[in-house]
């Protein structure tokens, strides 16, 4: 109840890549979900608004909620990631931190996501959400490994990570035109911070930093 749905189309053409124009190839539109009158297990998506051309769907989060912090992270000489983050005061002395990270067009893909933490912080409700792979869409016709990224809490940081590329090229990396979510509750309020995105396929740089919001580190 109250959910708002959007669909995205992502267009790929060699001319755009040749002219370094690949960052404007996604468009999105709002839809409504309607249950079928003939099959109660079937739902249809119906358009209820104009297509927002050359804009990725993740950008509608900030468009509809000014409290969202949105940051573009361009991998040098490669693809674009878009990070959106929102902090919600739970009214109990704790805050909910929600991050949505989209890989728009990076072939190198995402392998890890690290958020700085203050010493002594208490975390709860740590969670992760990804996509389901199927039907042999990995290298060599094999299925990609859909194992969720486990979260590791260490002094000064929390990190979600997949299996490294050199161990499994079909690991659950954050691949192009895909979005993953990371979330937790903390007993520390927000401040400006910088998170780190580790890249999956070998190359330079091995990671990129992204300014955003997170638990205050004094």
Protein backbone atom coordinates (compact mmCIF):
# COMPACT_ATOMS: atom_id res chain seq x y z
CA UNK A 1 0.00 0.00 0.00
CA UNK A 2 1.35 3.40 -1.00
CA UNK A 3 4.18 1.99 -3.13
CA UNK A 4 5.12 3.84 -6.31
CA UNK A 5 6.44 1.87 -9.30
CA UNK A 6 8.66 2.80 -12.22
CA UNK A 7 10.02 0.89 -15.22
CA UNK A 8 13.25 1.61 -17.06
CA UNK A 9 14.37 0.95 -20.62
CA UNK A 10 18.09 0.82 -21.34
CA UNK A 11 19.24 1.17 -24.94
CA UNK A 12 22.63 -0.04 -26.14
CA UNK A 13 24.21 1.04 -29.44
CA UNK A 14 27.87 0.94 -30.57
CA UNK A 15 27.77 4.51 -31.91
CA UNK A 16 26.97 5.88 -28.46
CA UNK A 17 29.84 3.96 -26.93
CA UNK A 18 32.22 5.17 -29.66
CA UNK A 19 31.31 8.81 -28.98
CA UNK A 20 31.38 8.34 -25.16
CA UNK A 21 27.64 9.06 -24.98
CA UNK A 22 26.61 6.03 -22.93
CA UNK A 23 25.49 7.88 -19.80
CA UNK A 24 22.16 9.04 -21.30
CA UNK A 25 20.87 5.72 -22.64
CA UNK A 26 18.30 4.94 -19.92
CA UNK A 27 14.76 6.31 -19.78
CA UNK A 28 11.98 5.61 -17.31
CA UNK A 29 8.25 6.02 -16.75
CA UNK A 30 5.87 5.65 -13.84
CA UNK A 31 3.42 2.75 -13.94
CA UNK A 32 0.59 1.41 -11.84
CA UNK A 33 0.22 -2.28 -10.99
CA UNK A 34 -3.23 -3.78 -11.70
CA UNK A 35 -4.35 -7.29 -10.87
CA UNK A 36 -5.70 -9.27 -13.81
CA UNK A 37 -9.46 -9.82 -13.85
CA UNK A 38 -8.99 -13.29 -15.36
CA UNK A 39 -5.97 -14.58 -13.43
CA UNK A 40 -5.52 -13.57 -9.76
CA UNK A 41 -1.82 -14.52 -9.95
CA UNK A 42 -1.13 -12.17 -12.83
CA UNK A 43 -0.43 -8.44 -12.51
CA UNK A 44 -0.07 -5.90 -15.31
CA UNK A 45 1.92 -2.68 -15.38
CA UNK A 46 0.09 0.26 -16.94
CA UNK A 47 1.78 3.56 -17.80
CA UNK A 48 0.46 6.55 -15.84
CA UNK A 49 2.94 9.24 -16.86
CA UNK A 50 5.26 10.45 -19.62
CA UNK A 51 8.61 8.80 -20.30
CA UNK A 52 11.49 10.70 -18.71
CA UNK A 53 13.95 10.50 -21.57
CA UNK A 54 17.69 9.99 -21.06
CA UNK A 55 17.26 9.66 -17.27
CA UNK A 56 17.85 6.56 -15.19
CA UNK A 57 14.94 5.45 -13.00
CA UNK A 58 16.97 5.74 -9.80
CA UNK A 59 16.89 9.53 -10.22
CA UNK A 60 13.15 9.62 -9.57
CA UNK A 61 13.82 8.81 -5.90
CA UNK A 62 15.38 12.21 -5.29
CA UNK A 63 12.91 13.87 -7.66
CA UNK A 64 10.11 12.67 -5.37
CA UNK A 65 11.99 13.04 -2.07
CA UNK A 66 14.34 16.03 -1.69
CA UNK A 67 15.91 14.47 1.43
CA UNK A 68 17.59 11.83 -0.74
CA UNK A 69 21.31 12.39 -1.38
CA UNK A 70 22.20 11.49 -4.98
CA UNK A 71 25.78 11.19 -6.25
CA UNK A 72 27.26 10.19 -9.63
CA UNK A 73 30.42 8.10 -9.49
CA UNK A 74 32.24 7.85 -12.82
CA UNK A 75 34.88 5.14 -13.10
CA UNK A 76 37.78 6.86 -14.94
CA UNK A 77 37.71 5.89 -18.62
CA UNK A 78 34.82 3.50 -18.01
CA UNK A 79 31.25 3.44 -16.72
CA UNK A 80 28.90 5.33 -14.39
CA UNK A 81 27.47 4.31 -11.03
CA UNK A 82 24.65 6.31 -9.39
CA UNK A 83 24.30 6.22 -5.59
CA UNK A 84 21.18 7.44 -3.79
CA UNK A 85 20.95 7.47 0.00
CA UNK A 86 18.29 8.39 2.55
CA UNK A 87 18.39 8.60 6.33
CA UNK A 88 15.18 8.28 8.37
CA UNK A 89 14.91 9.24 12.04
CA UNK A 90 13.07 6.34 13.68
CA UNK A 91 12.20 8.44 16.72
CA UNK A 92 13.79 5.93 19.09
CA UNK A 93 17.30 7.33 19.16
CA UNK A 94 18.11 5.21 16.08
CA UNK A 95 18.27 6.06 12.38
CA UNK A 96 17.57 3.95 9.31
CA UNK A 97 20.18 4.19 6.54
CA UNK A 98 19.10 3.14 3.04
CA UNK A 99 21.41 3.05 0.00
CA UNK A 100 20.47 2.28 -3.61
CA UNK A 101 23.46 1.80 -5.93
CA UNK A 102 22.90 1.46 -9.67
CA UNK A 103 25.53 0.38 -12.13
CA UNK A 104 24.37 2.21 -15.22
CA UNK A 105 26.99 1.04 -17.73
CA UNK A 106 30.21 -0.14 -16.06
CA UNK A 107 31.57 -3.39 -17.49
CA UNK A 108 33.98 -3.63 -14.57
CA UNK A 109 30.99 -3.95 -12.22
CA UNK A 110 30.78 -3.57 -8.45
CA UNK A 111 32.31 -6.05 -6.01
CA UNK A 112 32.06 -4.40 -2.58
CA UNK A 113 30.43 -1.48 -0.79
CA UNK A 114 31.98 0.00 2.36
CA UNK A 115 30.52 2.63 4.71
CA UNK A 116 32.60 4.25 7.49
CA UNK A 117 31.32 3.81 11.05
CA UNK A 118 32.15 5.54 14.33
CA UNK A 119 33.77 3.43 17.02
CA UNK A 120 31.17 2.02 19.41
CA UNK A 121 28.18 2.33 17.07
CA UNK A 122 25.39 -0.22 17.43
CA UNK A 123 23.92 -1.61 14.19
CA UNK A 124 20.68 -3.50 13.71
CA UNK A 125 18.54 -4.77 10.81
CA UNK A 126 21.50 -5.10 8.44
CA UNK A 127 20.15 -6.17 5.04
CA UNK A 128 20.90 -6.45 1.33
CA UNK A 129 18.76 -6.78 -1.80
CA UNK A 130 19.81 -7.79 -5.33
CA UNK A 131 18.38 -9.44 -8.46
CA UNK A 132 17.77 -13.08 -9.38
CA UNK A 133 19.81 -14.59 -12.21
CA UNK A 134 18.53 -17.46 -14.34
CA UNK A 135 18.65 -19.26 -17.70
CA UNK A 136 22.40 -19.33 -18.24
CA UNK A 137 23.07 -15.59 -18.38
CA UNK A 138 26.64 -15.93 -17.13
CA UNK A 139 29.94 -16.53 -18.91
CA UNK A 140 30.02 -19.72 -20.97
CA UNK A 141 26.26 -20.11 -20.71
CA UNK A 142 26.47 -20.82 -16.99
CA UNK A 143 24.18 -19.24 -14.42
CA UNK A 144 25.64 -16.40 -12.42
CA UNK A 145 25.96 -17.06 -8.70
CA UNK A 146 23.11 -15.21 -7.00
CA UNK A 147 24.49 -15.49 -3.47
CA UNK A 148 23.66 -12.38 -1.44
CA UNK A 149 26.59 -10.18 -0.46
CA UNK A 150 27.35 -10.93 3.20
CA UNK A 151 27.90 -7.92 5.46
CA UNK A 152 31.03 -7.74 7.60
CA UNK A 153 31.15 -5.29 10.50
CA UNK A 154 34.63 -4.27 11.59
CA UNK A 155 35.99 -1.45 13.71
CA UNK A 156 35.33 1.71 11.74
CA UNK A 157 33.35 0.25 8.83
CA UNK A 158 30.70 -2.09 7.43
CA UNK A 159 31.35 -3.85 4.13
CA UNK A 160 29.16 -5.91 1.83
CA UNK A 161 31.12 -7.93 -0.75
CA UNK A 162 30.74 -10.66 -3.35
CA UNK A 163 33.23 -13.39 -4.26
CA UNK A 164 36.31 -11.90 -6.00
CA UNK A 165 36.61 -12.11 -9.79
CA UNK A 166 39.76 -14.25 -9.71
CA UNK A 167 37.88 -16.89 -7.71
CA UNK A 168 34.62 -16.84 -9.68
CA UNK A 169 34.05 -14.64 -12.78
CA UNK A 170 30.34 -15.56 -12.49
CA UNK A 171 30.06 -14.26 -8.94
CA UNK A 172 27.20 -11.96 -7.97
CA UNK A 173 28.82 -8.68 -9.04
CA UNK A 174 26.77 -5.50 -9.46
CA UNK A 175 26.67 -5.58 -13.27
CA UNK A 176 25.60 -2.92 -15.75
CA UNK A 177 21.96 -1.77 -15.78
CA UNK A 178 21.42 -3.35 -12.34
CA UNK A 179 20.67 -1.86 -8.91
CA UNK A 180 21.44 -3.26 -5.44
CA UNK A 181 20.28 -2.03 -2.02
CA UNK A 182 22.19 -1.86 1.27
CA UNK A 183 20.58 -0.92 4.59
CA UNK A 184 20.90 -0.90 8.37
CA UNK A 185 19.77 0.91 11.51
CA UNK A 186 22.28 2.74 13.72
CA UNK A 187 22.18 4.62 17.03
CA UNK A 188 24.20 7.47 15.49
CA UNK A 189 22.76 10.31 13.43
CA UNK A 190 23.86 11.24 9.90
CA UNK A 191 26.60 13.48 8.54
CA UNK A 192 28.51 13.89 5.30
CA UNK A 193 30.73 10.90 4.63
CA UNK A 194 32.54 9.05 1.83
CA UNK A 195 31.80 5.44 0.95
CA UNK A 196 33.99 3.12 -1.11
CA UNK A 197 32.88 1.02 -4.08
CA UNK A 198 35.25 -1.83 -4.91
CA UNK A 199 35.31 -2.85 -8.59
CA UNK A 200 34.89 -6.46 -9.71
CA UNK A 201 36.90 -6.95 -12.89
CA UNK A 202 40.68 -6.31 -12.71
CA UNK A 203 41.92 -2.88 -13.72
CA UNK A 204 42.92 0.53 -12.45
CA UNK A 205 41.60 1.98 -10.25
CA UNK A 206 40.51 -0.96 -8.11
CA UNK A 207 37.93 1.17 -6.30
CA UNK A 208 36.16 4.54 -6.40
CA UNK A 209 35.06 6.77 -3.53
CA UNK A 210 31.62 8.38 -3.44
CA UNK A 211 30.59 11.33 -1.22
CA UNK A 212 27.18 10.76 0.39
CA UNK A 213 25.55 10.60 3.83
CA UNK A 214 26.16 8.07 6.61
CA UNK A 215 26.59 7.68 10.36
CA UNK A 216 28.49 10.59 11.85
CA UNK A 217 32.15 9.78 12.46
CA UNK A 218 33.70 12.24 14.94
